Amino acid sequence: MVKNLPHDLSIDLWCLGILCYEFCTGSPPFESNYRKETFKKIIENNVIFPHYLSEEVKDLINRLLDKIPKSRLSLEEVLKHPWIVKYKDYKTE
């Protein structure tokens, strides 16, 4: 979308990756003070993960933020991802 190229529904999976990153860290992965810089970071797709995130969640996010839309996890694959399965029945008291 940033490059103004056609896209399909896999963009929703990319957005899910952005949301997962934000939920886990409290900030977006490509945040910048300037719109142009944010777009540049999105295009470069260089995600920096905080040290406290598990390898499982980093894998999920990386696979959702894949630059190649056809390479992204499908929704079915997301639901079977080890990090999702691990916490699917997690309940807080």
N, C-alpha and C. Protein backbone atom coordinates (compact mmCIF):
# COMPACT_ATOMS: atom_id res chain seq x y z
N MET A 1 0.83 -1.19 0.00
CA MET A 1 0.00 0.00 0.00
C MET A 1 0.87 1.25 0.00
N VAL A 2 1.98 1.21 0.72
CA VAL A 2 2.88 2.36 0.80
C VAL A 2 3.46 2.68 -0.57
N LYS A 3 3.73 1.64 -1.35
CA LYS A 3 4.29 1.83 -2.69
C LYS A 3 3.21 2.07 -3.74
N ASN A 4 1.96 2.08 -3.31
CA ASN A 4 0.83 2.30 -4.21
C ASN A 4 0.68 1.18 -5.25
N LEU A 5 1.03 -0.03 -4.85
CA LEU A 5 0.90 -1.19 -5.72
C LEU A 5 -0.39 -1.93 -5.38
N PRO A 6 -0.90 -2.70 -6.31
CA PRO A 6 -2.10 -3.49 -5.99
C PRO A 6 -1.81 -4.46 -4.84
N HIS A 7 -2.83 -4.76 -4.08
CA HIS A 7 -2.68 -5.69 -2.97
C HIS A 7 -3.94 -6.54 -2.85
N ASP A 8 -3.82 -7.61 -2.09
CA ASP A 8 -4.97 -8.49 -1.90
C ASP A 8 -5.27 -8.61 -0.40
N LEU A 9 -6.05 -9.58 -0.04
CA LEU A 9 -6.47 -9.73 1.35
C LEU A 9 -5.32 -10.10 2.29
N SER A 10 -4.18 -10.50 1.74
CA SER A 10 -3.05 -10.83 2.61
C SER A 10 -2.55 -9.59 3.35
N ILE A 11 -2.96 -8.42 2.91
CA ILE A 11 -2.59 -7.19 3.63
C ILE A 11 -3.18 -7.22 5.04
N ASP A 12 -4.32 -7.88 5.20
CA ASP A 12 -4.92 -8.01 6.53
C ASP A 12 -4.03 -8.83 7.46
N LEU A 13 -3.34 -9.83 6.91
CA LEU A 13 -2.42 -10.64 7.71
C LEU A 13 -1.21 -9.82 8.11
N TRP A 14 -0.74 -8.95 7.21
CA TRP A 14 0.36 -8.04 7.53
C TRP A 14 -0.08 -7.12 8.68
N CYS A 15 -1.30 -6.60 8.60
CA CYS A 15 -1.83 -5.73 9.66
C CYS A 15 -1.92 -6.50 10.99
N LEU A 16 -2.26 -7.78 10.93
CA LEU A 16 -2.30 -8.60 12.14
C LEU A 16 -0.90 -8.69 12.76
N GLY A 17 0.12 -8.79 11.92
CA GLY A 17 1.49 -8.79 12.41
C GLY A 17 1.84 -7.49 13.11
N ILE A 18 1.39 -6.37 12.55
CA ILE A 18 1.61 -5.06 13.17
C ILE A 18 0.92 -5.01 14.53
N LEU A 19 -0.32 -5.46 14.57
CA LEU A 19 -1.08 -5.46 15.84
C LEU A 19 -0.42 -6.36 16.88
N CYS A 20 0.04 -7.54 16.47
CA CYS A 20 0.71 -8.44 17.41
C CYS A 20 1.94 -7.76 18.00
N TYR A 21 2.72 -7.10 17.15
CA TYR A 21 3.91 -6.39 17.63
C TYR A 21 3.51 -5.32 18.65
N GLU A 22 2.49 -4.53 18.29
CA GLU A 22 2.04 -3.46 19.18
C GLU A 22 1.50 -4.00 20.50
N PHE A 23 0.73 -5.07 20.45
CA PHE A 23 0.19 -5.66 21.69
C PHE A 23 1.30 -6.17 22.59
N CYS A 24 2.35 -6.70 21.99
CA CYS A 24 3.45 -7.29 22.77
C CYS A 24 4.47 -6.27 23.26
N THR A 25 4.57 -5.13 22.58
CA THR A 25 5.61 -4.16 22.93
C THR A 25 5.07 -2.81 23.39
N GLY A 26 3.86 -2.48 22.99
CA GLY A 26 3.29 -1.18 23.36
C GLY A 26 3.55 -0.09 22.34
N SER A 27 4.25 -0.42 21.26
CA SER A 27 4.49 0.58 20.20
C SER A 27 4.58 -0.12 18.85
N PRO A 28 4.32 0.62 17.76
CA PRO A 28 4.38 0.01 16.43
C PRO A 28 5.81 -0.26 15.99
N PRO A 29 6.00 -1.26 15.12
CA PRO A 29 7.35 -1.64 14.72
C PRO A 29 8.05 -0.63 13.81
N PHE A 30 7.33 0.18 13.11
CA PHE A 30 7.94 1.10 12.14
C PHE A 30 7.74 2.56 12.52
N GLU A 31 7.52 2.80 13.79
CA GLU A 31 7.22 4.15 14.27
C GLU A 31 8.37 5.12 14.01
N SER A 32 8.01 6.33 13.65
CA SER A 32 8.96 7.41 13.43
C SER A 32 8.23 8.73 13.66
N ASN A 33 8.99 9.78 13.87
CA ASN A 33 8.39 11.11 14.04
C ASN A 33 7.93 11.72 12.72
N TYR A 34 8.40 11.14 11.62
CA TYR A 34 8.08 11.69 10.31
C TYR A 34 7.47 10.63 9.41
N ARG A 35 6.43 11.02 8.71
CA ARG A 35 5.69 10.09 7.86
C ARG A 35 6.60 9.43 6.81
N LYS A 36 7.45 10.25 6.18
CA LYS A 36 8.36 9.72 5.15
C LYS A 36 9.29 8.65 5.73
N GLU A 37 9.77 8.89 6.92
CA GLU A 37 10.66 7.93 7.58
C GLU A 37 9.91 6.65 7.95
N THR A 38 8.66 6.80 8.39
CA THR A 38 7.83 5.63 8.69
C THR A 38 7.65 4.79 7.43
N PHE A 39 7.32 5.43 6.31
CA PHE A 39 7.15 4.71 5.04
C PHE A 39 8.44 4.01 4.63
N LYS A 40 9.56 4.67 4.83
CA LYS A 40 10.87 4.08 4.49
C LYS A 40 11.10 2.82 5.33
N LYS A 41 10.79 2.91 6.62
CA LYS A 41 10.97 1.76 7.51
C LYS A 41 10.06 0.60 7.10
N ILE A 42 8.84 0.92 6.68
CA ILE A 42 7.90 -0.12 6.23
C ILE A 42 8.45 -0.81 4.99
N ILE A 43 8.94 -0.03 4.04
CA ILE A 43 9.48 -0.59 2.80
C ILE A 43 10.71 -1.45 3.09
N GLU A 44 11.59 -0.99 3.97
CA GLU A 44 12.79 -1.76 4.32
C GLU A 44 12.43 -3.01 5.13
N ASN A 45 11.33 -2.94 5.87
CA ASN A 45 10.81 -4.07 6.64
C ASN A 45 11.83 -4.64 7.62
N ASN A 46 12.60 -3.76 8.22
CA ASN A 46 13.60 -4.18 9.19
C ASN A 46 13.01 -4.04 10.59
N VAL A 47 12.43 -5.11 11.09
CA VAL A 47 11.78 -5.09 12.39
C VAL A 47 12.81 -5.36 13.48
N ILE A 48 12.88 -4.46 14.45
CA ILE A 48 13.76 -4.63 15.60
C ILE A 48 12.89 -5.09 16.78
N PHE A 49 13.25 -6.21 17.34
CA PHE A 49 12.47 -6.76 18.45
C PHE A 49 13.16 -6.47 19.78
N PRO A 50 12.37 -6.10 20.79
CA PRO A 50 12.94 -5.96 22.13
C PRO A 50 13.44 -7.32 22.62
N HIS A 51 14.44 -7.30 23.49
CA HIS A 51 15.06 -8.53 23.97
C HIS A 51 14.10 -9.44 24.74
N TYR A 52 13.04 -8.86 25.29
CA TYR A 52 12.15 -9.65 26.14
C TYR A 52 11.12 -10.48 25.38
N LEU A 53 11.02 -10.34 24.08
CA LEU A 53 10.06 -11.14 23.32
C LEU A 53 10.62 -12.53 23.07
N SER A 54 9.75 -13.52 23.14
CA SER A 54 10.17 -14.91 22.92
C SER A 54 10.45 -15.14 21.43
N GLU A 55 11.23 -16.17 21.16
CA GLU A 55 11.52 -16.53 19.77
C GLU A 55 10.23 -16.92 19.05
N GLU A 56 9.31 -17.54 19.78
CA GLU A 56 8.04 -17.97 19.17
C GLU A 56 7.23 -16.78 18.66
N VAL A 57 7.09 -15.74 19.47
CA VAL A 57 6.29 -14.59 19.03
C VAL A 57 7.02 -13.81 17.94
N LYS A 58 8.34 -13.76 18.02
CA LYS A 58 9.10 -13.08 16.95
C LYS A 58 8.91 -13.83 15.62
N ASP A 59 8.88 -15.14 15.69
CA ASP A 59 8.64 -15.94 14.48
C ASP A 59 7.27 -15.64 13.90
N LEU A 60 6.25 -15.62 14.74
CA LEU A 60 4.90 -15.32 14.29
C LEU A 60 4.85 -13.96 13.61
N ILE A 61 5.37 -12.95 14.28
CA ILE A 61 5.33 -11.59 13.73
C ILE A 61 6.12 -11.50 12.43
N ASN A 62 7.32 -12.05 12.41
CA ASN A 62 8.12 -12.02 11.17
C ASN A 62 7.41 -12.69 10.01
N ARG A 63 6.74 -13.79 10.28
CA ARG A 63 6.05 -14.52 9.21
C ARG A 63 4.79 -13.80 8.75
N LEU A 64 4.21 -12.98 9.60
CA LEU A 64 3.06 -12.16 9.19
C LEU A 64 3.51 -10.91 8.45
N LEU A 65 4.69 -10.40 8.78
CA LEU A 65 5.19 -9.18 8.15
C LEU A 65 6.07 -9.47 6.93
N ASP A 66 6.04 -10.69 6.43
CA ASP A 66 6.83 -11.04 5.25
C ASP A 66 6.51 -10.08 4.11
N LYS A 67 7.56 -9.60 3.44
CA LYS A 67 7.38 -8.67 2.31
C LYS A 67 6.60 -9.30 1.16
N ILE A 68 6.76 -10.59 1.01
CA ILE A 68 6.10 -11.29 -0.10
C ILE A 68 4.74 -11.79 0.38
N PRO A 69 3.67 -11.17 -0.11
CA PRO A 69 2.32 -11.51 0.38
C PRO A 69 2.00 -13.00 0.35
N LYS A 70 2.41 -13.70 -0.69
CA LYS A 70 2.10 -15.14 -0.80
C LYS A 70 2.88 -15.97 0.20
N SER A 71 3.93 -15.40 0.79
CA SER A 71 4.74 -16.12 1.77
C SER A 71 4.24 -15.94 3.20
N ARG A 72 3.33 -15.01 3.41
CA ARG A 72 2.81 -14.77 4.76
C ARG A 72 2.00 -15.97 5.23
N LEU A 73 1.95 -16.13 6.55
CA LEU A 73 1.10 -17.16 7.11
C LEU A 73 -0.35 -16.92 6.71
N SER A 74 -1.07 -17.98 6.47
CA SER A 74 -2.52 -17.86 6.28
C SER A 74 -3.17 -17.75 7.65
N LEU A 75 -4.42 -17.38 7.70
CA LEU A 75 -5.12 -17.31 8.98
C LEU A 75 -5.16 -18.69 9.64
N GLU A 76 -5.34 -19.72 8.84
CA GLU A 76 -5.35 -21.08 9.37
C GLU A 76 -4.00 -21.42 10.00
N GLU A 77 -2.92 -21.00 9.35
CA GLU A 77 -1.58 -21.26 9.89
C GLU A 77 -1.32 -20.44 11.15
N VAL A 78 -1.87 -19.24 11.20
CA VAL A 78 -1.74 -18.42 12.41
C VAL A 78 -2.36 -19.14 13.59
N LEU A 79 -3.55 -19.69 13.38
CA LEU A 79 -4.25 -20.38 14.46
C LEU A 79 -3.51 -21.63 14.94
N LYS A 80 -2.63 -22.18 14.10
CA LYS A 80 -1.86 -23.38 14.46
C LYS A 80 -0.44 -23.03 14.90
N HIS A 81 -0.09 -21.76 14.86
CA HIS A 81 1.28 -21.36 15.22
C HIS A 81 1.54 -21.70 16.69
N PRO A 82 2.74 -22.19 17.02
CA PRO A 82 3.04 -22.59 18.40
C PRO A 82 2.77 -21.52 19.45
N TRP A 83 3.03 -20.26 19.15
CA TRP A 83 2.81 -19.20 20.14
C TRP A 83 1.32 -19.01 20.40
N ILE A 84 0.50 -19.10 19.37
CA ILE A 84 -0.95 -18.97 19.52
C ILE A 84 -1.49 -20.17 20.29
N VAL A 85 -1.08 -21.36 19.88
CA VAL A 85 -1.56 -22.59 20.53
C VAL A 85 -1.19 -22.58 22.01
N LYS A 86 0.01 -22.12 22.31
CA LYS A 86 0.50 -22.09 23.68
C LYS A 86 -0.40 -21.25 24.61
N TYR A 87 -0.94 -20.16 24.07
CA TYR A 87 -1.72 -19.23 24.90
C TYR A 87 -3.21 -19.18 24.58
N LYS A 88 -3.70 -20.06 23.74
CA LYS A 88 -5.10 -19.98 23.32
C LYS A 88 -6.08 -20.15 24.47
N ASP A 89 -5.72 -20.93 25.48
CA ASP A 89 -6.62 -21.15 26.61
C ASP A 89 -6.19 -20.37 27.85
N TYR A 90 -5.31 -19.40 27.67
CA TYR A 90 -4.82 -18.61 28.79
C TYR A 90 -5.94 -17.78 29.37
N LYS A 91 -6.08 -17.85 30.69
CA LYS A 91 -7.14 -17.07 31.37
C LYS A 91 -6.51 -16.25 32.48
N THR A 92 -6.95 -15.03 32.61
CA THR A 92 -6.49 -14.20 33.73
C THR A 92 -7.55 -14.24 34.82
N GLU A 93 -7.12 -14.05 36.03
CA GLU A 93 -8.09 -14.07 37.13
C GLU A 93 -8.40 -12.69 37.61
